Amino acid sequence: MKITFLGTGTSQGVPIIGCNCEVCTSLDYKDKRLRTSVHIEIEGQSWLIDTSPDLRQQCLQNPHIQRIDAILYTHSHKDHVAGLDEIRAFYYKQNQQDIPIYTNQEVLDKLKMEYDYMFKVPRYPGVAGVQVNLIENKPFHIGNMPVIPLEVMHFEMAVLGFRIGNFTYITDAKTIKAEELEKAKGSKILVVNALRKELHYSHFNLEEALAVAKTVGAERTYLIHISHNLGRHKAVELELPDSVRLAYDGLRLKID
């Protein structure tokens, strides 16, 4: 399995429009964060988790992404779904075969509101087609690959994380029940959100994310969904345990 972090920023990205803080004005490419999404290469297939508003730019910056075989959705907030229309290029490149999406009913209802033209029958000419696969918080398969969802709470909103083999991906979490976090144990790689150092009502702060990392005990944990308030990449990295790193846009991992 190969993982590419397409975006590691929070809903406004980094830099934030109009902000002149030291992070937003940094020249370090690791401080430039598009909205959060990840690409997975597994068993010859190409998957996305979420379609961020920056998906077009993300795919152009990662030209190894030549097709999309599946899209998994965590939740319906705009910074995680607003790039769905950008799959049109892949749809035509893949001979106009509907692209499978894996989503719960709540996300599907929002997608149908935002992208009604993709779901109408007959479909509006020229748009991409999707094949809807409804999922819940229980294991399912994409092809021969098992996927284990785990439910986290984003304030009062249920969000799905995913465990795929030795890789567990969690975004936009503030609380996780012990039985859900148990699903992540044994992972080699854990990805979890860490918005900032100060407490936040709907996201883990750095301290909370590190506590989750310690509980799961993965060989390596990568932090995502990062705001400019967390600090400069190179400074925060010095504060982290050896097994924890900040993810950054374009980072690629290989997992056995």
Protein backbone atom coordinates (compact mmCIF):
# COMPACT_ATOMS: atom_id res chain seq x y z
CA MET A 1 0.00 0.00 0.00
CA LYS A 2 1.25 3.48 -0.89
CA ILE A 3 -0.19 6.59 0.74
CA THR A 4 0.05 10.16 -0.58
CA PHE A 5 -1.10 13.05 1.58
CA LEU A 6 -2.81 15.34 -0.93
CA GLY A 7 -3.75 17.94 1.66
CA THR A 8 -3.07 18.28 5.39
CA GLY A 9 -4.71 21.58 6.24
CA THR A 10 -7.90 22.56 8.01
CA SER A 11 -11.01 23.96 6.32
CA GLN A 12 -9.40 27.29 5.35
CA GLY A 13 -6.09 25.78 4.31
CA VAL A 14 -2.71 27.31 5.09
CA PRO A 15 -1.96 30.10 4.34
CA ILE A 16 -5.32 31.62 5.23
CA ILE A 17 -6.52 34.43 2.97
CA GLY A 18 -5.49 37.79 4.41
CA CYS A 19 -3.41 36.37 7.28
CA ASN A 20 0.12 37.68 7.85
CA CYS A 21 1.19 35.40 10.71
CA GLU A 22 4.58 33.67 10.62
CA VAL A 23 3.05 30.40 9.44
CA CYS A 24 0.96 31.90 6.65
CA THR A 25 3.92 33.94 5.39
CA SER A 26 6.42 31.08 5.73
CA LEU A 27 8.43 30.14 2.65
CA ASP A 28 8.75 26.52 3.84
CA TYR A 29 6.73 24.29 1.51
CA LYS A 30 5.79 22.12 4.51
CA ASP A 31 3.82 25.09 5.88
CA LYS A 32 1.64 25.21 2.73
CA ARG A 33 -1.39 23.05 3.41
CA LEU A 34 -4.28 22.33 1.05
CA ARG A 35 -7.53 20.96 2.45
CA THR A 36 -7.30 17.45 3.89
CA SER A 37 -7.47 14.41 1.60
CA VAL A 38 -5.39 11.29 1.01
CA HIS A 39 -4.68 9.01 -1.98
CA ILE A 40 -4.19 5.27 -1.58
CA GLU A 41 -2.59 2.87 -4.05
CA ILE A 42 -3.55 -0.67 -3.12
CA GLU A 43 -3.72 -3.96 -5.03
CA GLY A 44 -3.42 -2.11 -8.31
CA GLN A 45 -6.26 0.26 -7.47
CA SER A 46 -6.38 4.00 -6.85
CA TRP A 47 -8.56 5.29 -3.99
CA LEU A 48 -9.32 8.65 -2.47
CA ILE A 49 -10.49 9.40 1.03
CA ASP A 50 -12.60 12.56 0.61
CA THR A 51 -12.63 15.01 -2.29
CA SER A 52 -11.39 18.33 -1.00
CA PRO A 53 -12.08 21.70 -2.68
CA ASP A 54 -8.45 21.54 -3.85
CA LEU A 55 -8.73 18.17 -5.60
CA ARG A 56 -7.89 19.50 -9.08
CA GLN A 57 -4.71 21.15 -7.83
CA GLN A 58 -3.83 18.10 -5.72
CA CYS A 59 -4.10 15.73 -8.68
CA LEU A 60 -2.05 18.04 -10.90
CA GLN A 61 0.64 18.17 -8.24
CA ASN A 62 0.64 14.36 -7.99
CA PRO A 63 0.70 13.13 -11.61
CA HIS A 64 1.03 9.51 -10.52
CA ILE A 65 -2.74 9.68 -9.91
CA GLN A 66 -3.97 8.49 -13.30
CA ARG A 67 -7.32 6.96 -12.36
CA ILE A 68 -9.81 6.79 -9.48
CA ASP A 69 -11.30 3.39 -8.66
CA ALA A 70 -13.03 4.31 -5.38
CA ILE A 71 -13.80 7.31 -3.17
CA LEU A 72 -14.46 6.89 0.55
CA TYR A 73 -16.18 9.71 2.42
CA THR A 74 -15.66 10.56 6.07
CA HIS A 75 -18.40 13.20 6.43
CA SER A 76 -20.27 15.91 4.57
CA HIS A 77 -18.47 19.14 5.49
CA LYS A 78 -17.50 21.22 2.48
CA ASP A 79 -13.75 20.91 2.98
CA HIS A 80 -14.15 17.14 2.53
CA VAL A 81 -16.69 16.89 -0.31
CA ALA A 82 -16.45 20.08 -2.38
CA GLY A 83 -14.11 18.61 -5.01
CA LEU A 84 -16.42 15.85 -6.21
CA ASP A 85 -17.03 17.53 -9.56
CA GLU A 86 -13.28 17.36 -10.28
CA ILE A 87 -13.51 13.60 -10.89
CA ARG A 88 -14.95 14.41 -14.32
CA ALA A 89 -11.54 14.13 -15.99
CA PHE A 90 -11.05 10.65 -14.56
CA TYR A 91 -14.59 9.64 -15.55
CA TYR A 92 -13.87 10.41 -19.21
CA LYS A 93 -10.39 8.92 -19.07
CA GLN A 94 -11.96 5.74 -17.67
CA ASN A 95 -14.36 5.36 -20.60
CA GLN A 96 -17.29 6.98 -18.79
CA GLN A 97 -17.57 4.18 -16.28
CA ASP A 98 -19.33 5.33 -13.10
CA ILE A 99 -16.81 5.84 -10.29
CA PRO A 100 -17.73 4.02 -7.06
CA ILE A 101 -18.24 6.14 -3.96
CA TYR A 102 -18.58 4.69 -0.46
CA THR A 103 -20.65 6.87 1.82
CA ASN A 104 -23.26 6.80 4.54
CA GLN A 105 -26.76 8.14 4.05
CA GLU A 106 -26.05 11.50 5.68
CA VAL A 107 -23.20 12.27 3.28
CA LEU A 108 -25.15 10.98 0.29
CA ASP A 109 -28.07 13.28 1.09
CA LYS A 110 -25.71 16.27 1.17
CA LEU A 111 -24.00 15.23 -2.07
CA LYS A 112 -27.38 15.00 -3.79
CA MET A 113 -28.16 18.55 -2.65
CA GLU A 114 -24.79 19.99 -3.70
CA TYR A 115 -24.43 17.98 -6.92
CA ASP A 116 -28.02 17.32 -7.93
CA TYR A 117 -27.00 17.33 -11.62
CA MET A 118 -24.82 14.24 -11.02
CA PHE A 119 -27.66 12.22 -9.53
CA LYS A 120 -30.61 13.21 -11.73
CA VAL A 121 -32.13 10.63 -14.07
CA PRO A 122 -31.45 11.19 -16.88
CA ARG A 123 -28.08 12.64 -15.88
CA TYR A 124 -27.17 16.14 -17.02
CA PRO A 125 -24.99 15.78 -20.17
CA GLY A 126 -21.23 15.98 -19.69
CA VAL A 127 -21.04 15.41 -15.94
CA ALA A 128 -19.29 12.52 -14.21
CA GLY A 129 -21.23 9.49 -13.06
CA VAL A 130 -20.89 7.81 -9.69
CA GLN A 131 -21.90 4.40 -8.42
CA VAL A 132 -23.28 4.77 -4.90
CA ASN A 133 -22.34 2.21 -2.24
CA LEU A 134 -24.01 2.92 1.10
CA ILE A 135 -21.94 2.02 4.14
CA GLU A 136 -22.45 2.06 7.89
CA ASN A 137 -20.14 1.60 10.81
CA LYS A 138 -19.39 -2.02 9.98
CA PRO A 139 -16.78 -3.74 7.80
CA PHE A 140 -17.17 -3.86 4.02
CA HIS A 141 -15.02 -4.75 1.01
CA ILE A 142 -13.77 -2.82 -1.98
CA GLY A 143 -12.87 -5.58 -4.38
CA ASN A 144 -10.99 -8.11 -2.28
CA MET A 145 -9.77 -5.53 0.25
CA PRO A 146 -11.55 -5.35 3.63
CA VAL A 147 -12.24 -1.88 5.03
CA ILE A 148 -13.11 -1.35 8.70
CA PRO A 149 -14.92 1.92 9.51
CA LEU A 150 -14.62 3.43 12.96
CA GLU A 151 -16.92 6.15 14.22
CA VAL A 152 -15.58 9.33 15.81
CA MET A 153 -17.44 12.41 16.97
CA HIS A 154 -16.82 15.84 15.44
CA PHE A 155 -18.65 17.89 18.11
CA GLU A 156 -22.15 16.36 17.68
CA MET A 157 -21.53 14.97 14.18
CA ALA A 158 -20.62 11.34 13.55
CA VAL A 159 -17.60 11.02 11.24
CA LEU A 160 -16.15 7.82 9.79
CA GLY A 161 -12.51 6.93 10.02
CA PHE A 162 -11.18 3.94 8.11
CA ARG A 163 -8.78 1.10 8.82
CA ILE A 164 -7.38 -0.47 5.67
CA GLY A 165 -4.89 -3.22 6.41
CA ASN A 166 -2.18 -1.75 8.64
CA PHE A 167 -3.27 1.83 7.94
CA THR A 168 -5.82 3.76 10.03
CA TYR A 169 -7.07 7.20 9.00
CA ILE A 170 -9.01 9.51 11.34
CA THR A 171 -9.95 13.10 10.61
CA ASP A 172 -12.14 15.74 12.26
CA ALA A 173 -12.37 13.92 15.60
CA LYS A 174 -12.94 15.40 19.04
CA THR A 175 -13.96 12.25 20.92
CA ILE A 176 -13.66 8.53 20.17
CA LYS A 177 -15.27 5.77 22.19
CA ALA A 178 -12.86 3.16 23.53
CA GLU A 179 -14.45 0.36 21.49
CA GLU A 180 -14.01 2.37 18.29
CA LEU A 181 -10.39 3.25 19.03
CA GLU A 182 -9.75 -0.42 19.71
CA LYS A 183 -10.24 -1.03 15.97
CA ALA A 184 -7.10 1.02 15.27
CA LYS A 185 -4.81 -0.93 17.57
CA GLY A 186 -2.19 -2.98 15.77
CA SER A 187 -1.95 -0.49 12.90
CA LYS A 188 1.53 0.26 11.64
CA ILE A 189 0.50 3.76 10.55
CA LEU A 190 -2.06 5.95 12.32
CA VAL A 191 -3.21 9.25 10.84
CA VAL A 192 -5.14 11.56 13.16
CA ASN A 193 -6.17 15.22 13.24
CA ALA A 194 -4.43 17.84 15.39
CA LEU A 195 -5.84 21.30 14.76
CA ARG A 196 -3.82 23.49 17.12
CA LYS A 197 -2.32 23.58 20.62
CA GLU A 198 -5.28 25.31 22.25
CA LEU A 199 -8.44 23.36 23.03
CA HIS A 200 -11.13 23.34 20.35
CA TYR A 201 -14.78 22.33 20.63
CA SER A 202 -14.85 19.97 17.63
CA HIS A 203 -11.26 18.92 16.85
CA PHE A 204 -8.42 17.29 18.75
CA ASN A 205 -5.75 19.70 19.81
CA LEU A 206 -2.12 18.55 19.79
CA GLU A 207 -2.22 17.15 23.32
CA GLU A 208 -5.38 15.15 22.62
CA ALA A 209 -4.02 13.80 19.34
CA LEU A 210 -0.81 12.67 21.08
CA ALA A 211 -2.90 10.89 23.71
CA VAL A 212 -4.75 9.00 20.97
CA ALA A 213 -1.44 8.12 19.33
CA LYS A 214 -0.13 6.75 22.63
CA THR A 215 -3.27 4.65 23.17
CA VAL A 216 -3.18 3.15 19.68
CA GLY A 217 0.56 2.55 19.81
CA ALA A 218 1.18 2.51 16.06
CA GLU A 219 4.76 2.31 14.83
CA ARG A 220 4.33 5.79 13.37
CA THR A 221 1.60 8.42 13.75
CA TYR A 222 1.11 11.32 11.33
CA LEU A 223 -0.88 14.41 12.25
CA ILE A 224 -3.22 16.10 9.76
CA HIS A 225 -6.02 18.70 9.51
CA ILE A 226 -3.59 21.28 10.81
CA SER A 227 -4.32 25.00 11.15
CA HIS A 228 -1.89 27.91 11.11
CA ASN A 229 -2.39 28.12 14.88
CA LEU A 230 -0.39 24.94 15.47
CA GLY A 231 2.84 26.68 14.47
CA ARG A 232 5.65 26.30 11.95
CA HIS A 233 6.21 22.74 10.77
CA LYS A 234 9.90 22.67 11.67
CA ALA A 235 9.27 24.06 15.17
CA VAL A 236 6.40 21.73 16.07
CA GLU A 237 8.32 18.67 14.85
CA LEU A 238 10.94 19.32 17.55
CA GLU A 239 8.25 18.99 20.23
CA LEU A 240 6.90 15.62 19.10
CA PRO A 241 7.72 12.11 20.36
CA ASP A 242 9.96 10.05 18.09
CA SER A 243 7.02 8.00 16.78
CA VAL A 244 4.92 11.04 15.80
CA ARG A 245 5.40 13.40 12.85
CA LEU A 246 3.47 16.16 11.18
CA ALA A 247 2.24 15.09 7.77
CA TYR A 248 2.71 17.57 4.94
CA ASP A 249 1.28 17.93 1.45
CA GLY A 250 2.96 15.54 -0.96
CA LEU A 251 4.34 13.20 1.71
CA ARG A 252 4.34 9.61 0.42
CA LEU A 253 4.47 6.48 2.57
CA LYS A 254 4.74 2.78 1.82
CA ILE A 255 3.10 0.30 4.17
CA ASP A 256 3.57 -3.47 4.17
